[in-house]
Amino acid sequence: MGFDSFGAPQFGLNDVKVAAYNDTDDYGTAVDVPSVQLMGTVMQVIAAQLEGDDQIMDAHSQVIGGQVRIRFGSVSIAALEVILGIDSVPSEDVYDWLQIGGGDNMPYFGICGKIAATQGDGDFHVFLPKVKIMEDVTLASAEYGQYIIPETTAQAIDDETYDIINLIEHNTAAAVAIPPTSISS
């Protein structure tokens, strides 16, 4: 039996970009998340069941948000500027300095990941238009003989234009953009 779409089956993670969320359908410049290893997306639901007369009388569930976990294989000041909402201090091509202080508020940002299809020329994009860091961020867990692998989780909330989570299949592979050019606002 064949697959029911042109973006399937999906394999790996090819590209992830983040962009500052300024307002609905208004984003900053998309920045690459380097050596991306993971972009795990979870749809969050709230659910309850009504019990009585020794049975379940009714059940209800609804979508309330989403989460995205990202892990990337290099400390990227440019990506962290977007994710943390902090501007770096460049010094004439000598260094970039990202200083994180107490009381810094986390911003909203958009994130989009691309997964290649193993059959055909298509791909699959996962777009979360409005997310914010809501947990600790592993910035630099350095270890002998290992790469530094930053990792964090962000909370997705409803955006008035693009909702919470967008799953997009392309019949021809497309570049990652925020928002994706293949969906209309």
N, C-alpha and C. Protein backbone atom coordinates (compact mmCIF):
# COMPACT_ATOMS: atom_id res chain seq x y z
N MET A 1 0.84 -1.18 0.00
CA MET A 1 0.00 0.00 0.00
C MET A 1 0.88 1.23 0.00
N GLY A 2 0.59 2.20 -0.84
CA GLY A 2 1.37 3.42 -0.96
C GLY A 2 1.05 4.42 0.12
N PHE A 3 1.86 5.46 0.18
CA PHE A 3 1.62 6.53 1.13
C PHE A 3 0.60 7.50 0.56
N ASP A 4 -0.16 8.15 1.44
CA ASP A 4 -1.27 8.98 1.00
C ASP A 4 -0.89 10.43 0.71
N SER A 5 0.39 10.74 0.73
CA SER A 5 0.77 12.13 0.48
C SER A 5 2.12 12.20 -0.21
N PHE A 6 2.43 13.37 -0.77
CA PHE A 6 3.68 13.53 -1.49
C PHE A 6 4.82 13.97 -0.59
N GLY A 7 4.58 14.26 0.66
CA GLY A 7 5.64 14.61 1.59
C GLY A 7 5.97 13.47 2.54
N ALA A 8 5.65 12.24 2.16
CA ALA A 8 5.83 11.11 3.07
C ALA A 8 6.56 9.98 2.36
N PRO A 9 7.12 9.06 3.09
CA PRO A 9 7.39 9.15 4.52
C PRO A 9 8.51 10.15 4.80
N GLN A 10 8.51 10.69 5.99
CA GLN A 10 9.49 11.71 6.36
C GLN A 10 10.67 11.06 7.07
N PHE A 11 11.87 11.62 6.84
CA PHE A 11 13.05 11.06 7.48
C PHE A 11 14.04 12.17 7.83
N GLY A 12 14.51 12.17 9.05
CA GLY A 12 15.54 13.11 9.49
C GLY A 12 15.02 14.50 9.78
N LEU A 13 15.95 15.42 9.86
CA LEU A 13 15.65 16.83 10.08
C LEU A 13 16.69 17.61 9.31
N ASN A 14 16.24 18.31 8.28
CA ASN A 14 17.13 18.91 7.29
C ASN A 14 17.51 20.35 7.59
N ASP A 15 16.59 21.12 8.16
CA ASP A 15 16.84 22.55 8.35
C ASP A 15 15.83 23.09 9.36
N VAL A 16 16.27 23.99 10.24
CA VAL A 16 15.38 24.69 11.17
C VAL A 16 15.80 26.15 11.20
N LYS A 17 14.81 27.02 11.18
CA LYS A 17 15.07 28.46 11.29
C LYS A 17 14.16 29.04 12.37
N VAL A 18 14.64 30.13 12.99
CA VAL A 18 13.86 30.88 13.97
C VAL A 18 13.84 32.34 13.53
N ALA A 19 12.78 33.04 13.91
CA ALA A 19 12.67 34.47 13.60
C ALA A 19 11.91 35.15 14.72
N ALA A 20 12.31 36.36 15.06
CA ALA A 20 11.61 37.14 16.09
C ALA A 20 10.16 37.34 15.68
N TYR A 21 9.25 37.17 16.62
CA TYR A 21 7.82 37.40 16.41
C TYR A 21 7.53 38.83 16.83
N ASN A 22 7.24 39.69 15.87
CA ASN A 22 6.94 41.09 16.17
C ASN A 22 5.46 41.31 16.42
N ASP A 23 4.65 40.66 15.60
CA ASP A 23 3.19 40.75 15.69
C ASP A 23 2.65 39.69 14.75
N THR A 24 1.35 39.44 14.78
CA THR A 24 0.82 38.42 13.90
C THR A 24 1.18 38.72 12.45
N ASP A 25 1.75 37.75 11.77
CA ASP A 25 2.20 37.84 10.38
C ASP A 25 3.32 38.87 10.18
N ASP A 26 4.06 39.20 11.23
CA ASP A 26 5.18 40.13 11.15
C ASP A 26 6.36 39.55 11.93
N TYR A 27 7.37 39.10 11.18
CA TYR A 27 8.53 38.43 11.78
C TYR A 27 9.81 39.15 11.40
N GLY A 28 10.83 38.96 12.24
CA GLY A 28 12.16 39.44 11.91
C GLY A 28 12.78 38.51 10.87
N THR A 29 14.04 38.73 10.59
CA THR A 29 14.77 37.91 9.62
C THR A 29 14.96 36.50 10.17
N ALA A 30 14.70 35.50 9.33
CA ALA A 30 14.88 34.10 9.74
C ALA A 30 16.37 33.80 9.90
N VAL A 31 16.72 33.13 10.99
CA VAL A 31 18.10 32.78 11.31
C VAL A 31 18.20 31.26 11.40
N ASP A 32 19.26 30.71 10.83
CA ASP A 32 19.47 29.26 10.83
C ASP A 32 19.84 28.77 12.23
N VAL A 33 19.28 27.62 12.60
CA VAL A 33 19.70 26.91 13.80
C VAL A 33 20.72 25.88 13.33
N PRO A 34 21.99 26.05 13.68
CA PRO A 34 23.04 25.22 13.08
C PRO A 34 23.05 23.79 13.59
N SER A 35 23.42 22.88 12.70
CA SER A 35 23.60 21.47 13.06
C SER A 35 22.44 20.94 13.89
N VAL A 36 21.23 21.28 13.47
CA VAL A 36 20.05 20.90 14.25
C VAL A 36 19.94 19.38 14.33
N GLN A 37 19.67 18.89 15.52
CA GLN A 37 19.55 17.47 15.76
C GLN A 37 18.13 17.04 16.09
N LEU A 38 17.36 17.94 16.70
CA LEU A 38 16.02 17.59 17.16
C LEU A 38 15.11 18.79 17.07
N MET A 39 13.92 18.57 16.57
CA MET A 39 12.82 19.53 16.68
C MET A 39 11.59 18.69 16.96
N GLY A 40 11.33 18.47 18.22
CA GLY A 40 10.19 17.64 18.63
C GLY A 40 9.00 18.51 18.94
N THR A 41 7.89 18.25 18.28
CA THR A 41 6.70 19.07 18.44
C THR A 41 5.58 18.25 19.08
N VAL A 42 4.96 18.83 20.10
CA VAL A 42 3.89 18.15 20.84
C VAL A 42 2.66 19.05 20.83
N MET A 43 1.52 18.47 20.48
CA MET A 43 0.24 19.17 20.59
C MET A 43 -0.30 18.91 22.00
N GLN A 44 -0.56 19.98 22.75
CA GLN A 44 -1.05 19.83 24.11
C GLN A 44 -2.57 19.87 24.12
N VAL A 45 -3.15 18.99 24.93
CA VAL A 45 -4.61 18.95 25.07
C VAL A 45 -4.97 18.97 26.55
N ILE A 46 -6.16 19.44 26.81
CA ILE A 46 -6.73 19.33 28.14
C ILE A 46 -7.91 18.38 27.98
N ALA A 47 -8.06 17.50 28.95
CA ALA A 47 -9.10 16.48 28.83
C ALA A 47 -9.72 16.19 30.18
N ALA A 48 -10.96 15.77 30.14
CA ALA A 48 -11.67 15.37 31.35
C ALA A 48 -12.73 14.34 30.97
N GLN A 49 -13.08 13.58 31.96
CA GLN A 49 -14.19 12.65 31.74
C GLN A 49 -15.17 12.76 32.91
N LEU A 50 -16.43 12.67 32.56
CA LEU A 50 -17.51 12.75 33.55
C LEU A 50 -17.84 11.33 33.97
N GLU A 51 -17.67 11.07 35.26
CA GLU A 51 -17.96 9.73 35.77
C GLU A 51 -19.19 9.78 36.65
N GLY A 52 -19.98 8.78 36.58
CA GLY A 52 -21.17 8.65 37.41
C GLY A 52 -21.88 7.34 37.08
N ASP A 53 -22.69 6.89 37.98
CA ASP A 53 -23.43 5.65 37.79
C ASP A 53 -22.50 4.50 37.42
N ASP A 54 -21.30 4.47 38.04
CA ASP A 54 -20.31 3.42 37.82
C ASP A 54 -19.84 3.31 36.37
N GLN A 55 -19.80 4.44 35.66
CA GLN A 55 -19.31 4.43 34.29
C GLN A 55 -18.85 5.82 33.87
N ILE A 56 -18.19 5.88 32.74
CA ILE A 56 -17.83 7.16 32.16
C ILE A 56 -19.01 7.63 31.33
N MET A 57 -19.57 8.78 31.70
CA MET A 57 -20.78 9.29 31.05
C MET A 57 -20.47 10.17 29.83
N ASP A 58 -19.33 10.84 29.89
CA ASP A 58 -18.95 11.71 28.78
C ASP A 58 -17.43 11.92 28.85
N ALA A 59 -16.85 12.22 27.73
CA ALA A 59 -15.42 12.56 27.66
C ALA A 59 -15.26 13.77 26.75
N HIS A 60 -14.31 14.62 27.10
CA HIS A 60 -14.07 15.82 26.29
C HIS A 60 -12.58 16.12 26.29
N SER A 61 -12.08 16.55 25.15
CA SER A 61 -10.70 17.02 25.07
C SER A 61 -10.62 18.12 24.02
N GLN A 62 -9.67 19.03 24.21
CA GLN A 62 -9.48 20.10 23.25
C GLN A 62 -8.02 20.55 23.26
N VAL A 63 -7.59 21.08 22.13
CA VAL A 63 -6.23 21.58 21.99
C VAL A 63 -6.10 22.88 22.76
N ILE A 64 -5.01 23.00 23.55
CA ILE A 64 -4.79 24.23 24.31
C ILE A 64 -3.45 24.89 24.00
N GLY A 65 -2.55 24.19 23.33
CA GLY A 65 -1.25 24.76 23.03
C GLY A 65 -0.35 23.73 22.38
N GLY A 66 0.91 24.04 22.37
CA GLY A 66 1.90 23.13 21.82
C GLY A 66 3.24 23.36 22.48
N GLN A 67 4.14 22.43 22.29
CA GLN A 67 5.50 22.59 22.76
C GLN A 67 6.45 22.16 21.65
N VAL A 68 7.61 22.78 21.63
CA VAL A 68 8.65 22.40 20.68
C VAL A 68 9.96 22.31 21.44
N ARG A 69 10.64 21.20 21.27
CA ARG A 69 11.95 20.99 21.88
C ARG A 69 12.98 21.02 20.77
N ILE A 70 14.01 21.84 20.92
CA ILE A 70 15.06 21.91 19.90
C ILE A 70 16.42 21.62 20.54
N ARG A 71 17.24 20.94 19.76
CA ARG A 71 18.60 20.62 20.16
C ARG A 71 19.48 20.85 18.95
N PHE A 72 20.55 21.63 19.13
CA PHE A 72 21.41 21.94 18.00
C PHE A 72 22.87 21.77 18.37
N GLY A 73 23.69 21.44 17.36
CA GLY A 73 25.06 21.00 17.57
C GLY A 73 26.11 22.08 17.59
N SER A 74 25.78 23.27 18.01
CA SER A 74 26.76 24.33 18.09
C SER A 74 26.12 25.52 18.78
N VAL A 75 26.89 26.22 19.58
CA VAL A 75 26.38 27.46 20.15
C VAL A 75 26.35 28.49 19.03
N SER A 76 25.16 28.99 18.74
CA SER A 76 24.98 30.00 17.70
C SER A 76 24.48 31.28 18.36
N ILE A 77 25.35 32.29 18.42
CA ILE A 77 24.94 33.57 19.00
C ILE A 77 23.75 34.14 18.24
N ALA A 78 23.75 34.01 16.91
CA ALA A 78 22.65 34.56 16.09
C ALA A 78 21.32 33.90 16.43
N ALA A 79 21.30 32.57 16.56
CA ALA A 79 20.06 31.86 16.91
C ALA A 79 19.64 32.19 18.34
N LEU A 80 20.61 32.26 19.25
CA LEU A 80 20.29 32.58 20.65
C LEU A 80 19.77 34.01 20.80
N GLU A 81 20.23 34.94 19.97
CA GLU A 81 19.69 36.31 20.00
C GLU A 81 18.19 36.29 19.76
N VAL A 82 17.75 35.48 18.79
CA VAL A 82 16.32 35.39 18.47
C VAL A 82 15.57 34.67 19.58
N ILE A 83 16.08 33.52 20.00
CA ILE A 83 15.40 32.69 20.99
C ILE A 83 15.31 33.38 22.35
N LEU A 84 16.38 34.08 22.75
CA LEU A 84 16.43 34.73 24.06
C LEU A 84 16.06 36.20 24.03
N GLY A 85 15.99 36.79 22.82
CA GLY A 85 15.62 38.20 22.70
C GLY A 85 16.67 39.15 23.22
N ILE A 86 17.94 38.76 23.11
CA ILE A 86 19.04 39.58 23.61
C ILE A 86 19.97 39.89 22.45
N ASP A 87 20.33 41.15 22.28
CA ASP A 87 21.27 41.53 21.22
C ASP A 87 22.70 41.29 21.67
N SER A 88 23.50 40.75 20.77
CA SER A 88 24.91 40.53 21.07
C SER A 88 25.68 41.83 20.88
N VAL A 89 26.89 41.83 21.40
CA VAL A 89 27.78 42.99 21.26
C VAL A 89 28.93 42.58 20.36
N PRO A 90 28.90 42.97 19.07
CA PRO A 90 30.02 42.61 18.19
C PRO A 90 31.21 43.54 18.41
N SER A 91 32.38 43.05 18.09
CA SER A 91 33.59 43.86 18.27
C SER A 91 34.51 43.70 17.07
N GLU A 92 34.21 44.41 15.99
CA GLU A 92 35.06 44.48 14.80
C GLU A 92 35.62 43.11 14.40
N ASP A 93 34.78 42.13 14.22
CA ASP A 93 35.15 40.79 13.78
C ASP A 93 36.10 40.06 14.73
N VAL A 94 36.20 40.53 15.97
CA VAL A 94 37.06 39.86 16.94
C VAL A 94 36.24 38.87 17.77
N TYR A 95 35.05 39.28 18.17
CA TYR A 95 34.19 38.39 18.95
C TYR A 95 32.75 38.88 18.90
N ASP A 96 31.84 37.98 19.22
CA ASP A 96 30.45 38.30 19.51
C ASP A 96 30.26 37.98 20.98
N TRP A 97 29.54 38.83 21.67
CA TRP A 97 29.37 38.67 23.11
C TRP A 97 27.89 38.73 23.41
N LEU A 98 27.35 37.67 23.95
CA LEU A 98 25.95 37.62 24.35
C LEU A 98 25.93 37.60 25.87
N GLN A 99 25.46 38.68 26.44
CA GLN A 99 25.42 38.81 27.90
C GLN A 99 23.99 38.64 28.36
N ILE A 100 23.78 37.67 29.25
CA ILE A 100 22.44 37.34 29.73
C ILE A 100 22.34 37.79 31.18
N GLY A 101 21.37 38.62 31.46
CA GLY A 101 21.23 39.16 32.81
C GLY A 101 19.95 38.70 33.48
N GLY A 102 19.94 38.79 34.79
CA GLY A 102 18.72 38.49 35.54
C GLY A 102 17.63 39.50 35.19
N GLY A 103 16.43 39.06 35.11
CA GLY A 103 15.32 39.94 34.79
C GLY A 103 15.04 40.10 33.31
N ASP A 104 15.88 39.49 32.45
CA ASP A 104 15.61 39.55 31.00
C ASP A 104 14.34 38.76 30.69
N ASN A 105 13.42 39.38 29.99
CA ASN A 105 12.17 38.71 29.59
C ASN A 105 12.39 37.94 28.30
N MET A 106 11.81 36.76 28.23
CA MET A 106 11.91 35.94 27.03
C MET A 106 10.88 36.44 26.00
N PRO A 107 11.28 36.52 24.73
CA PRO A 107 10.38 37.02 23.68
C PRO A 107 9.63 35.87 23.00
N TYR A 108 8.64 36.23 22.22
CA TYR A 108 8.03 35.26 21.31
C TYR A 108 8.88 35.19 20.05
N PHE A 109 8.92 34.00 19.45
CA PHE A 109 9.59 33.83 18.17
C PHE A 109 8.86 32.75 17.39
N GLY A 110 9.08 32.72 16.09
CA GLY A 110 8.52 31.67 15.24
C GLY A 110 9.61 30.66 14.93
N ILE A 111 9.22 29.41 14.69
CA ILE A 111 10.17 28.37 14.36
C ILE A 111 9.59 27.47 13.28
N CYS A 112 10.43 27.08 12.33
CA CYS A 112 9.98 26.21 11.25
C CYS A 112 11.08 25.21 10.93
N GLY A 113 10.69 23.94 10.84
CA GLY A 113 11.63 22.87 10.53
C GLY A 113 11.25 22.15 9.25
N LYS A 114 12.25 21.62 8.56
CA LYS A 114 12.06 20.93 7.28
C LYS A 114 12.55 19.49 7.39
N ILE A 115 11.69 18.57 6.96
CA ILE A 115 12.00 17.15 6.95
C ILE A 115 11.84 16.65 5.53
N ALA A 116 12.87 16.00 5.02
CA ALA A 116 12.81 15.50 3.64
C ALA A 116 11.92 14.28 3.54
N ALA A 117 11.27 14.12 2.40
CA ALA A 117 10.50 12.91 2.10
C ALA A 117 11.46 11.89 1.50
N THR A 118 11.26 10.63 1.84
CA THR A 118 12.14 9.58 1.31
C THR A 118 11.69 9.10 -0.06
N GLN A 119 10.48 9.46 -0.46
CA GLN A 119 9.97 9.08 -1.77
C GLN A 119 9.47 10.32 -2.49
N GLY A 120 9.82 10.47 -3.73
CA GLY A 120 9.40 11.64 -4.50
C GLY A 120 10.27 12.84 -4.21
N ASP A 121 9.81 14.00 -4.66
CA ASP A 121 10.58 15.23 -4.55
C ASP A 121 10.08 16.16 -3.46
N GLY A 122 9.13 15.71 -2.67
CA GLY A 122 8.50 16.58 -1.68
C GLY A 122 9.25 16.69 -0.38
N ASP A 123 8.67 17.46 0.53
CA ASP A 123 9.17 17.56 1.89
C ASP A 123 8.02 17.90 2.82
N PHE A 124 8.35 18.02 4.09
CA PHE A 124 7.36 18.24 5.15
C PHE A 124 7.91 19.33 6.06
N HIS A 125 7.12 20.38 6.31
CA HIS A 125 7.54 21.46 7.19
C HIS A 125 6.62 21.50 8.41
N VAL A 126 7.22 21.79 9.56
CA VAL A 126 6.48 21.99 10.81
C VAL A 126 6.73 23.43 11.23
N PHE A 127 5.66 24.22 11.32
CA PHE A 127 5.75 25.65 11.62
C PHE A 127 4.94 25.96 12.87
N LEU A 128 5.61 26.54 13.86
CA LEU A 128 4.96 27.04 15.06
C LEU A 128 5.16 28.55 15.07
N PRO A 129 4.11 29.31 14.86
CA PRO A 129 4.25 30.74 14.62
C PRO A 129 4.57 31.59 15.85
N LYS A 130 4.23 31.10 17.05
CA LYS A 130 4.38 31.96 18.24
C LYS A 130 4.76 31.08 19.44
N VAL A 131 6.06 31.06 19.73
CA VAL A 131 6.56 30.25 20.84
C VAL A 131 7.43 31.11 21.76
N LYS A 132 7.58 30.64 23.00
CA LYS A 132 8.39 31.36 23.98
C LYS A 132 9.06 30.33 24.90
N ILE A 133 10.33 30.58 25.22
CA ILE A 133 11.05 29.72 26.15
C ILE A 133 10.35 29.76 27.50
N MET A 134 10.04 28.58 28.04
CA MET A 134 9.34 28.49 29.32
C MET A 134 10.04 27.52 30.28
N GLU A 135 11.20 27.04 29.89
CA GLU A 135 11.96 26.12 30.74
C GLU A 135 13.42 26.54 30.71
N ASP A 136 14.22 25.89 31.53
CA ASP A 136 15.65 26.16 31.52
C ASP A 136 16.24 25.88 30.15
N VAL A 137 17.31 26.58 29.83
CA VAL A 137 18.00 26.44 28.55
C VAL A 137 19.40 25.89 28.82
N THR A 138 19.71 24.74 28.25
CA THR A 138 21.07 24.22 28.32
C THR A 138 21.87 24.94 27.25
N LEU A 139 22.71 25.87 27.65
CA LEU A 139 23.46 26.69 26.69
C LEU A 139 24.77 26.04 26.29
N ALA A 140 25.54 25.57 27.27
CA ALA A 140 26.86 25.04 26.96
C ALA A 140 27.23 23.97 27.97
N SER A 141 26.84 22.76 27.71
CA SER A 141 27.22 21.64 28.55
C SER A 141 28.47 21.04 27.91
N ALA A 142 29.63 21.54 28.33
CA ALA A 142 30.90 21.14 27.73
C ALA A 142 31.45 19.90 28.43
N GLU A 143 32.00 19.00 27.61
CA GLU A 143 32.52 17.74 28.13
C GLU A 143 33.67 17.28 27.25
N TYR A 144 34.69 16.72 27.88
CA TYR A 144 35.85 16.23 27.14
C TYR A 144 35.41 15.27 26.03
N GLY A 145 35.90 15.51 24.82
CA GLY A 145 35.62 14.63 23.70
C GLY A 145 34.22 14.74 23.12
N GLN A 146 33.47 15.75 23.51
CA GLN A 146 32.09 15.89 23.06
C GLN A 146 31.85 17.30 22.52
N TYR A 147 30.87 17.43 21.65
CA TYR A 147 30.45 18.73 21.17
C TYR A 147 29.52 19.38 22.17
N ILE A 148 29.47 20.71 22.14
CA ILE A 148 28.50 21.43 22.95
C ILE A 148 27.16 21.36 22.23
N ILE A 149 26.14 20.92 22.93
CA ILE A 149 24.82 20.71 22.33
C ILE A 149 23.78 21.53 23.11
N PRO A 150 23.48 22.78 22.70
CA PRO A 150 22.42 23.54 23.35
C PRO A 150 21.06 22.87 23.14
N GLU A 151 20.18 23.02 24.13
CA GLU A 151 18.86 22.39 24.05
C GLU A 151 17.88 23.18 24.90
N THR A 152 16.64 23.28 24.42
CA THR A 152 15.60 23.96 25.17
C THR A 152 14.22 23.56 24.68
N THR A 153 13.22 23.93 25.46
CA THR A 153 11.82 23.70 25.10
C THR A 153 11.08 25.03 25.14
N ALA A 154 10.21 25.24 24.16
CA ALA A 154 9.42 26.47 24.10
C ALA A 154 7.93 26.12 24.07
N GLN A 155 7.14 27.00 24.62
CA GLN A 155 5.68 26.85 24.65
C GLN A 155 5.07 27.56 23.45
N ALA A 156 4.21 26.88 22.72
CA ALA A 156 3.50 27.47 21.58
C ALA A 156 2.11 27.89 22.02
N ILE A 157 1.73 29.10 21.62
CA ILE A 157 0.37 29.57 21.90
C ILE A 157 -0.29 29.97 20.59
N ASP A 158 -1.58 30.18 20.67
CA ASP A 158 -2.38 30.48 19.48
C ASP A 158 -2.02 31.84 18.89
N ASP A 159 -1.78 31.85 17.59
CA ASP A 159 -1.56 33.09 16.83
C ASP A 159 -2.81 33.34 16.01
N GLU A 160 -3.26 34.58 15.95
CA GLU A 160 -4.54 34.85 15.28
C GLU A 160 -4.54 34.55 13.79
N THR A 161 -3.37 34.50 13.16
CA THR A 161 -3.30 34.19 11.73
C THR A 161 -3.00 32.72 11.47
N TYR A 162 -2.01 32.15 12.17
CA TYR A 162 -1.53 30.80 11.86
C TYR A 162 -1.85 29.75 12.93
N ASP A 163 -2.66 30.09 13.91
CA ASP A 163 -3.04 29.16 14.98
C ASP A 163 -1.82 28.71 15.78
N ILE A 164 -1.74 27.41 16.15
CA ILE A 164 -0.69 26.94 17.05
C ILE A 164 0.41 26.17 16.31
N ILE A 165 -0.01 25.16 15.55
CA ILE A 165 0.94 24.29 14.84
C ILE A 165 0.47 24.14 13.40
N ASN A 166 1.41 24.23 12.47
CA ASN A 166 1.09 24.04 11.06
C ASN A 166 1.96 22.92 10.50
N LEU A 167 1.33 21.92 9.89
CA LEU A 167 2.01 20.81 9.23
C LEU A 167 1.79 20.97 7.74
N ILE A 168 2.89 21.09 6.98
CA ILE A 168 2.79 21.44 5.56
C ILE A 168 3.55 20.42 4.73
N GLU A 169 2.87 19.82 3.78
CA GLU A 169 3.51 18.90 2.83
C GLU A 169 3.65 19.60 1.49
N HIS A 170 4.82 19.50 0.91
CA HIS A 170 5.07 20.08 -0.42
C HIS A 170 5.30 18.94 -1.41
N ASN A 171 4.76 19.07 -2.62
CA ASN A 171 5.04 18.06 -3.64
C ASN A 171 6.42 18.25 -4.24
N THR A 172 6.99 19.46 -4.11
CA THR A 172 8.37 19.76 -4.48
C THR A 172 9.01 20.42 -3.27
N ALA A 173 10.19 19.96 -2.89
CA ALA A 173 10.86 20.49 -1.70
C ALA A 173 10.96 22.01 -1.76
N ALA A 174 10.75 22.65 -0.61
CA ALA A 174 10.75 24.11 -0.52
C ALA A 174 11.73 24.56 0.55
N ALA A 175 12.25 25.77 0.40
CA ALA A 175 13.13 26.35 1.40
C ALA A 175 12.33 26.72 2.64
N VAL A 176 13.00 26.70 3.78
CA VAL A 176 12.36 27.08 5.04
C VAL A 176 12.26 28.60 5.10
N ALA A 177 11.08 29.08 5.40
CA ALA A 177 10.83 30.52 5.57
C ALA A 177 9.86 30.70 6.74
N ILE A 178 9.92 31.87 7.36
CA ILE A 178 9.00 32.18 8.45
C ILE A 178 8.32 33.51 8.13
N PRO A 179 6.99 33.49 7.93
CA PRO A 179 6.15 32.30 7.83
C PRO A 179 6.42 31.56 6.51
N PRO A 180 6.03 30.28 6.44
CA PRO A 180 6.23 29.55 5.20
C PRO A 180 5.52 30.22 4.03
N THR A 181 6.21 30.33 2.92
CA THR A 181 5.63 31.02 1.75
C THR A 181 4.49 30.22 1.13
N SER A 182 4.41 28.94 1.44
CA SER A 182 3.39 28.10 0.81
C SER A 182 2.04 28.18 1.50
N ILE A 183 1.94 28.83 2.63
CA ILE A 183 0.64 28.96 3.29
C ILE A 183 0.25 30.43 3.28
N SER A 184 -1.04 30.68 3.16
CA SER A 184 -1.49 32.06 3.07
C SER A 184 -1.99 32.54 4.42
N SER A 185 -1.82 33.82 4.63
CA SER A 185 -2.30 34.40 5.89
C SER A 185 -3.72 34.89 5.74
